[in-house]
Structure formats: C-alpha cells, structure tokens
Protein backbone atom coordinates (compact mmCIF):
# COMPACT_ATOMS: atom_id res chain seq x y z
CA MET A 1 0.00 0.00 0.00
CA THR A 2 1.31 3.40 -0.85
CA GLY A 3 0.37 6.91 0.14
CA GLY A 4 -2.08 9.21 -1.54
CA SER A 5 -3.38 12.68 -0.75
CA ASP A 6 -2.96 14.25 2.67
CA THR A 7 -6.41 13.02 3.68
CA GLY A 8 -6.43 9.68 1.87
CA HIS A 9 -3.11 8.10 2.78
CA ASP A 10 -2.71 4.57 4.05
CA TRP A 11 -1.79 3.58 7.60
CA HIS A 12 0.44 1.05 9.32
CA SER A 13 -0.12 -0.29 12.82
CA HIS A 14 2.65 -2.32 14.40
CA VAL A 15 1.67 -4.70 17.20
CA TYR A 16 4.70 -5.10 19.45
CA PHE A 17 5.30 -8.26 21.46
CA ASP A 18 7.99 -10.30 23.18
CA ALA A 19 8.37 -13.90 24.30
CA ASP A 20 5.93 -13.33 27.17
CA SER A 21 3.25 -11.59 25.08
CA VAL A 22 3.46 -13.41 21.74
CA THR A 23 0.38 -15.50 22.60
CA ALA A 24 -1.62 -12.33 23.29
CA ALA A 25 -0.45 -10.84 19.97
CA GLU A 26 -1.37 -14.01 18.08
CA ALA A 27 -4.81 -13.99 19.70
CA LEU A 28 -5.36 -10.32 18.81
CA ILE A 29 -4.52 -10.91 15.15
CA ALA A 30 -6.64 -14.07 14.96
CA GLU A 31 -9.59 -12.22 16.50
CA MET A 32 -9.13 -9.29 14.09
CA LYS A 33 -9.20 -11.64 11.11
CA ILE A 34 -12.52 -13.03 12.35
CA GLU A 35 -13.97 -9.61 13.25
CA PHE A 36 -13.05 -7.93 9.96
CA GLY A 37 -13.37 -10.98 7.72
CA PRO A 38 -11.31 -12.21 4.78
CA ASP A 39 -12.45 -9.44 2.42
CA ALA A 40 -11.32 -6.54 4.63
CA ALA A 41 -8.67 -4.28 3.16
CA ILE A 42 -6.20 -5.14 5.92
CA GLU A 43 -2.85 -6.65 5.01
CA TYR A 44 -1.38 -8.71 7.83
CA GLY A 45 2.40 -8.72 7.58
CA ARG A 46 4.97 -11.26 8.65
CA TRP A 47 5.66 -12.06 12.26
CA HIS A 48 9.06 -10.61 13.16
CA HIS A 49 10.56 -12.39 16.17
CA ARG A 50 13.39 -9.88 16.31
CA PRO A 51 13.54 -6.09 15.97
CA VAL A 52 13.38 -4.96 12.31
CA GLY A 53 13.71 -1.53 10.72
CA PRO A 54 13.09 1.29 13.18
CA HIS A 55 11.18 -0.95 15.58
CA PRO A 56 12.81 -1.81 18.93
CA ASP A 57 10.66 -4.86 19.62
CA PHE A 58 9.30 -7.95 17.87
CA SER A 59 6.26 -6.98 15.78
CA ILE A 60 3.65 -7.68 13.16
CA GLN A 61 2.55 -4.92 10.79
CA LEU A 62 -1.03 -4.22 9.76
CA ALA A 63 -1.48 -2.10 6.63
CA TYR A 64 -4.86 -0.56 5.76
CA PRO A 65 -6.43 2.34 3.88
CA MET A 66 -7.70 5.56 5.46
CA GLY A 67 -11.26 4.30 5.09
CA MET A 68 -10.54 1.59 7.66
CA PHE A 69 -8.65 3.83 10.10
CA SER A 70 -11.38 4.44 12.66
CA ALA A 71 -12.59 0.82 12.69
CA VAL A 72 -9.08 -0.64 13.03
CA MET A 73 -7.97 1.87 15.66
CA ALA A 74 -11.16 1.41 17.69
CA TYR A 75 -10.76 -2.36 17.57
CA LEU A 76 -7.09 -2.23 18.56
CA SER A 77 -7.73 0.19 21.42
CA LEU A 78 -10.43 -2.01 22.92
CA HIS A 79 -8.76 -5.39 22.35
CA ARG A 80 -5.00 -4.81 22.66
CA ASN A 81 -4.93 -6.50 26.08
CA GLY A 82 -1.88 -4.57 27.28
CA LEU A 83 0.08 -4.88 24.02
CA VAL A 84 1.94 -1.82 22.74
CA ILE A 85 0.72 -0.65 19.33
CA PHE A 86 2.49 1.93 17.19
CA THR A 87 0.50 3.51 14.33
CA HIS A 88 1.62 5.94 11.65
CA PRO A 89 0.45 7.19 8.26
CA VAL A 90 2.26 6.36 5.02
CA THR A 91 2.60 9.76 3.37
CA GLY A 92 5.46 8.86 1.05
CA GLU A 93 8.37 6.52 0.40
CA ASP A 94 11.17 9.11 0.60
CA LEU A 95 13.30 9.27 3.76
CA ASN A 96 11.89 12.59 4.97
CA SER A 97 8.29 11.34 4.68
CA GLN A 98 9.19 8.14 6.52
CA LEU A 99 10.98 10.11 9.24
CA CYS A 100 8.01 12.43 9.74
CA ASP A 101 5.54 9.53 9.67
CA HIS A 102 7.44 7.61 12.36
CA ARG A 103 8.46 10.59 14.52
CA ASP A 104 5.95 13.42 14.08
CA HIS A 105 2.75 11.65 13.04
CA ALA A 106 2.98 8.68 15.40
CA ILE A 107 0.09 7.41 17.52
CA TRP A 108 0.92 5.15 20.45
CA MET A 109 -1.28 2.81 22.46
CA GLY A 110 0.58 1.78 25.59
CA ALA A 111 4.18 2.69 26.36
CA VAL A 112 6.03 4.88 23.87
CA ARG A 113 9.05 2.90 22.67
CA PRO A 114 12.33 4.35 21.37
CA LEU A 115 12.48 4.08 17.57
CA LYS A 116 15.65 3.77 15.50
CA LEU A 117 15.18 6.82 13.30
CA ALA A 118 18.75 7.25 12.02
CA GLN A 119 17.90 5.08 9.02
CA PHE A 120 15.51 7.85 7.91
CA GLY A 121 18.02 10.64 8.55
CA GLY A 122 16.77 11.38 12.06
CA VAL A 123 18.17 10.76 15.52
CA ASP A 124 17.62 7.44 17.28
CA GLN A 125 15.32 7.88 20.27
C-alpha cells in the first residue's frame, strides 16, 4: 500500500510483542481476522521475532487504507490486552516522509518505545 493525498493516505499499525506476550499478539490478530473478515482491506504482515527496521521490539505490521482507520484503531484500542501498538500514516516513500511519519505523526497505544530513526536521517530515540 502506498500513500495518496494528505487526507487519503494509508496507515500502518505495528503490534509489538515479546516472548511473554506473543500469545496475546497471536490472539489479537486471529480475533481481528474473524472480526473484519477475509475481504477486509487489511494486510497482515509477517511475524518478526526480532527487531526490524526502526522498531525496537518484535512486531507484526497491519497495513490498511484511510477508510478503515477508525474501525481498526477502535478495535485495537479495545482489544489490545496490554500490548503496545504503534501507528503511523504512510505519506510517502522518501526518507523525509518516513521520518516524519514515524516521529511526528505517530500514535501510540501503551508505552512509547524508542524508535531507530537514524535510518531515515533522524536521531535514534
């Protein structure tokens, strides 16, 4: 999924987990797949059992269009069961857009985690 206009861009939510919370993360994703159904415009990414990219923790990425933003965010907020969730828009593929999306446009549920932003030209948190 790629970005569009300022009001119609796509979104990514990253569900963070560790060895103690992986079962809760797996349950959340399984429940989301049932709740939203197989035809929902949600792309469920790979399970990363190590930190990848700017993310400090293990994670799975959810990608979805702006039209699903309120439904996905409401569901995650009510069913995250203590998991940390990091959400950001996808306003562009260039480094500056990615830096702003991860640093300035971020929405956190749970503890704010330090991101590795140097890869986008920023300063690691």
